C-alpha atoms as a PDB file:
ATOM      1  CA  MET A   1       0.096  -0.051   0.011  1.00  0.00           C
ATOM      2  CA  LYS A   2       2.829   2.695   0.693  1.00  0.00           C
ATOM      3  CA  ARG A   3       4.350   1.586  -2.395  1.00  0.00           C
ATOM      4  CA  LEU A   4       1.147   2.170  -4.387  1.00  0.00           C
ATOM      5  CA  THR A   5       0.694   5.249  -2.223  1.00  0.00           C
ATOM      6  CA  ALA A   6       4.457   6.759  -3.655  1.00  0.00           C
ATOM      7  CA  THR A   7       3.771   5.912  -7.087  1.00  0.00           C
ATOM      8  CA  VAL A   8       0.209   7.890  -7.241  1.00  0.00           C
ATOM      9  CA  ILE A   9       2.260  10.789  -5.195  1.00  0.00           C
ATOM     10  CA  THR A  10       4.933  10.774  -7.945  1.00  0.00           C
ATOM     11  CA  ALA A  11       2.464  10.581 -10.779  1.00  0.00           C
ATOM     12  CA  LEU A  12       0.745  13.340  -9.588  1.00  0.00           C
ATOM     13  CA  ALA A  13       3.662  15.350  -8.742  1.00  0.00           C
ATOM     14  CA  CYS A  14       4.285  14.521 -12.963  1.00  0.00           C
ATOM     15  CA  LEU A  15       1.232  15.454 -14.413  1.00  0.00           C
ATOM     16  CA  PHE A  16       1.520  18.626 -12.347  1.00  0.00           C
ATOM     17  CA  PHE A  17       4.549  19.589 -13.462  1.00  0.00           C
ATOM     18  CA  ILE A  18       3.987  18.770 -17.314  1.00  0.00           C
ATOM     19  CA  ALA A  19       0.502  20.455 -17.021  1.00  0.00           C
ATOM     20  CA  SER A  20       2.071  23.846 -15.118  1.00  0.00           C
ATOM     21  CA  PRO A  21       1.885  26.919 -17.789  1.00  0.00           C
ATOM     22  CA  ALA A  22       4.905  28.042 -19.363  1.00  0.00           C
ATOM     23  CA  HIS A  23       6.511  31.043 -19.046  1.00  0.00           C
ATOM     24  CA  ALA A  24       4.083  33.832 -21.674  1.00  0.00           C
ATOM     25  CA  ILE A  25       4.462  37.082 -21.516  1.00  0.00           C
ATOM     26  CA  LYS A  26       1.117  39.007 -21.425  1.00  0.00           C
ATOM     27  CA  VAL A  27      -0.288  41.991 -22.936  1.00  0.00           C
ATOM     28  CA  LEU A  28      -3.355  43.700 -20.644  1.00  0.00           C
ATOM     29  CA  VAL A  29      -3.642  46.571 -23.099  1.00  0.00           C
ATOM     30  CA  ALA A  30      -2.536  47.492 -27.117  1.00  0.00           C
ATOM     31  CA  THR A  31      -4.523  49.994 -28.289  1.00  0.00           C
ATOM     32  CA  ILE A  32      -3.986  53.176 -30.218  1.00  0.00           C
ATOM     33  CA  ALA A  33      -3.752  57.288 -28.688  1.00  0.00           C
ATOM     34  CA  LEU A  34      -2.571  60.741 -29.138  1.00  0.00           C
ATOM     35  CA  GLY A  35      -1.132  59.195 -32.115  1.00  0.00           C
ATOM     36  CA  LYS A  36       1.158  56.063 -30.811  1.00  0.00           C
ATOM     37  CA  VAL A  37       0.474  52.357 -30.188  1.00  0.00           C
ATOM     38  CA  GLN A  38       0.533  52.245 -25.957  1.00  0.00           C
ATOM     39  CA  VAL A  39       1.172  49.126 -24.985  1.00  0.00           C
ATOM     40  CA  ILE A  40       0.925  47.856 -21.081  1.00  0.00           C
ATOM     41  CA  GLY A  41       1.923  44.286 -20.280  1.00  0.00           C
ATOM     42  CA  LEU A  42       3.035  41.836 -17.829  1.00  0.00           C
ATOM     43  CA  GLU A  43       4.775  38.822 -16.291  1.00  0.00           C
ATOM     44  CA  ALA A  44       7.428  39.193 -18.864  1.00  0.00           C
ATOM     45  CA  LYS A  45      10.948  37.954 -17.890  1.00  0.00           C
ATOM     46  CA  LYS A  46      12.270  40.218 -15.044  1.00  0.00           C
ATOM     47  CA  SER A  47      14.028  43.209 -15.539  1.00  0.00           C
ATOM     48  CA  ALA A  48      14.543  41.954 -19.212  1.00  0.00           C
ATOM     49  CA  SER A  49      14.522  44.073 -22.509  1.00  0.00           C
ATOM     50  CA  ILE A  50      11.150  43.902 -24.634  1.00  0.00           C
ATOM     51  CA  LYS A  51      10.954  44.567 -27.917  1.00  0.00           C
ATOM     52  CA  TRP A  52       8.424  45.540 -30.186  1.00  0.00           C
ATOM     53  CA  GLU A  53       8.934  44.502 -34.026  1.00  0.00           C
ATOM     54  CA  ASP A  54      12.646  43.403 -32.851  1.00  0.00           C
ATOM     55  CA  ASN A  55      12.909  46.881 -31.570  1.00  0.00           C
ATOM     56  CA  ALA A  56      13.969  47.399 -28.127  1.00  0.00           C
ATOM     57  CA  VAL A  57      11.506  49.950 -26.678  1.00  0.00           C
ATOM     58  CA  THR A  58      11.418  49.672 -23.048  1.00  0.00           C
ATOM     59  CA  GLN A  59      12.978  46.893 -19.759  1.00  0.00           C
ATOM     60  CA  SER A  60      10.546  45.424 -17.682  1.00  0.00           C
ATOM     61  CA  ASN A  61      10.609  46.150 -14.091  1.00  0.00           C
ATOM     62  CA  LYS A  62      11.468  43.378 -11.319  1.00  0.00           C
ATOM     63  CA  LEU A  63       8.183  41.965 -10.976  1.00  0.00           C
ATOM     64  CA  GLY A  64       7.821  41.756 -14.662  1.00  0.00           C
ATOM     65  CA  ALA A  65       5.644  44.550 -15.817  1.00  0.00           C
ATOM     66  CA  PHE A  66       6.570  46.960 -18.518  1.00  0.00           C
ATOM     67  CA  LYS A  67       4.683  50.025 -20.680  1.00  0.00           C
ATOM     68  CA  PHE A  68       5.667  52.202 -23.743  1.00  0.00           C
ATOM     69  CA  SER A  69       4.485  53.536 -26.661  1.00  0.00           C
ATOM     70  CA  THR A  70       5.560  54.115 -29.910  1.00  0.00           C
ATOM     71  CA  THR A  71       4.483  55.571 -33.903  1.00  0.00           C
ATOM     72  CA  ASN A  72       5.597  51.668 -35.202  1.00  0.00           C
ATOM     73  CA  LEU A  73       2.705  50.328 -36.005  1.00  0.00           C
ATOM     74  CA  PRO A  74       2.589  47.400 -38.007  1.00  0.00           C
ATOM     75  CA  GLN A  75       0.494  46.923 -41.513  1.00  0.00           C
ATOM     76  CA  ASP A  76      -1.263  44.627 -40.596  1.00  0.00           C
ATOM     77  CA  CYS A  77      -2.032  46.208 -37.070  1.00  0.00           C
ATOM     78  CA  VAL A  78      -0.464  43.133 -35.239  1.00  0.00           C
ATOM     79  CA  GLY A  79       2.622  43.431 -33.760  1.00  0.00           C
ATOM     80  CA  SER A  80       5.056  41.027 -32.543  1.00  0.00           C
ATOM     81  CA  LEU A  81       6.151  41.587 -28.865  1.00  0.00           C
ATOM     82  CA  SER A  82       9.406  39.597 -27.180  1.00  0.00           C
ATOM     83  CA  ASP A  83      10.850  39.658 -23.557  1.00  0.00           C
ATOM     84  CA  GLY A  84      13.887  37.389 -25.013  1.00  0.00           C
ATOM     85  CA  VAL A  85      11.996  34.221 -23.548  1.00  0.00           C
ATOM     86  CA  SER A  86       8.492  34.618 -25.241  1.00  0.00           C
ATOM     87  CA  THR A  87       7.699  36.030 -28.618  1.00  0.00           C
ATOM     88  CA  ILE A  88       4.159  37.018 -28.844  1.00  0.00           C
ATOM     89  CA  SER A  89       1.987  38.451 -31.820  1.00  0.00           C
ATOM     90  CA  VAL A  90      -0.256  41.560 -29.966  1.00  0.00           C
ATOM     91  CA  VAL A  91      -3.680  42.996 -32.213  1.00  0.00           C
ATOM     92  CA  ILE A  92      -3.912  46.599 -31.286  1.00  0.00           C
ATOM     93  CA  PHE A  93      -7.054  48.006 -30.304  1.00  0.00           C
ATOM     94  CA  GLY A  94      -8.482  50.610 -32.665  1.00  0.00           C
ATOM     95  CA  CYS A  95      -6.914  49.995 -35.120  1.00  0.00           C
ATOM     96  CA  ALA A  96      -7.895  49.908 -39.206  1.00  0.00           C
ATOM     97  CA  ILE A  97      -5.801  48.476 -41.517  1.00  0.00           C
ATOM     98  CA  GLU A  98      -6.933  50.798 -44.085  1.00  0.00           C
ATOM     99  CA  GLU A  99      -5.693  53.863 -41.926  1.00  0.00           C
ATOM    100  CA  VAL A 100      -2.392  52.467 -41.445  1.00  0.00           C
ATOM    101  CA  VAL A 101       0.441  53.922 -43.730  1.00  0.00           C
ATOM    102  CA  SER A 102       4.053  52.860 -43.657  1.00  0.00           C
ATOM    103  CA  GLY A 103       6.103  54.449 -40.913  1.00  0.00           C
ATOM    104  CA  GLY A 104       3.781  55.047 -38.097  1.00  0.00           C
ATOM    105  CA  VAL A 105      -0.258  56.296 -37.276  1.00  0.00           C
ATOM    106  CA  LEU A 106      -1.797  58.902 -39.253  1.00  0.00           C
ATOM    107  CA  LYS A 107      -2.370  62.227 -37.847  1.00  0.00           C
ATOM    108  CA  THR A 108      -6.222  62.629 -36.972  1.00  0.00           C
ATOM    109  CA  GLY A 109      -6.352  66.121 -38.966  1.00  0.00           C
ATOM    110  CA  GLN A 110      -7.490  67.814 -35.618  1.00  0.00           C
ATOM    111  CA  THR A 111      -6.168  71.238 -35.940  1.00  0.00           C
ATOM    112  CA  GLN A 112      -7.652  73.036 -32.909  1.00  0.00           C
ATOM    113  CA  SER A 113      -6.867  72.437 -29.408  1.00  0.00           C
ATOM    114  CA  PHE A 114     -10.486  72.400 -27.366  1.00  0.00           C
ATOM    115  CA  ASP A 115      -9.089  71.532 -23.688  1.00  0.00           C
ATOM    116  CA  ALA A 116      -8.817  75.309 -22.768  1.00  0.00           C
ATOM    117  CA  ASN A 117      -7.212  74.422 -19.004  1.00  0.00           C
ATOM    118  CA  ASN A 118      -4.186  72.123 -21.099  1.00  0.00           C
ATOM    119  CA  PRO A 119      -4.324  72.840 -24.339  1.00  0.00           C
ATOM    120  CA  LYS A 120      -0.945  70.366 -24.980  1.00  0.00           C
ATOM    121  CA  ARG A 121      -3.445  67.289 -24.373  1.00  0.00           C
ATOM    122  CA  ASP A 122      -5.116  66.387 -26.965  1.00  0.00           C
ATOM    123  CA  ASP A 123      -4.356  66.152 -30.986  1.00  0.00           C
ATOM    124  CA  GLY A 124      -5.388  69.779 -32.216  1.00  0.00           C
ATOM    125  CA  ALA A 125      -1.807  70.933 -30.141  1.00  0.00           C
ATOM    126  CA  LEU A 126       0.326  67.524 -30.726  1.00  0.00           C
ATOM    127  CA  GLN A 127      -0.232  67.020 -34.259  1.00  0.00           C
ATOM    128  CA  GLU A 128       1.097  63.407 -33.668  1.00  0.00           C
ATOM    129  CA  GLY A 129       1.501  60.350 -36.079  1.00  0.00           C
ATOM    130  CA  VAL A 130       2.461  61.122 -40.133  1.00  0.00           C
ATOM    131  CA  GLU A 131       0.487  62.558 -43.315  1.00  0.00           C
END
């Protein structure tokens, strides 16, 4: 009976080890805001270089969290994100393929600022993006 119990415990331990999820970087937010792709994620390798489309954009903190913004918008609205251990594809919320041009996010066309208290916070003041 002791031997059978030990065998069952060993088998369960092996099953748990095999079934445990592998390390995988996760993205909480990937959207377009103020003319840039904004990404927030976690579970990256701790203190790792974070790459977007094969370009280093930031470093994860000691807990594996990270955030960055970039004008590097992929043509298909799906970016490649890597922490050196895992690489994932990230669909960018609010991106429309027909609006994407080579080199980044299109300008909104807004030319007037509508925030009188802080006119440098909206597209009319910032004029971010590409033509």
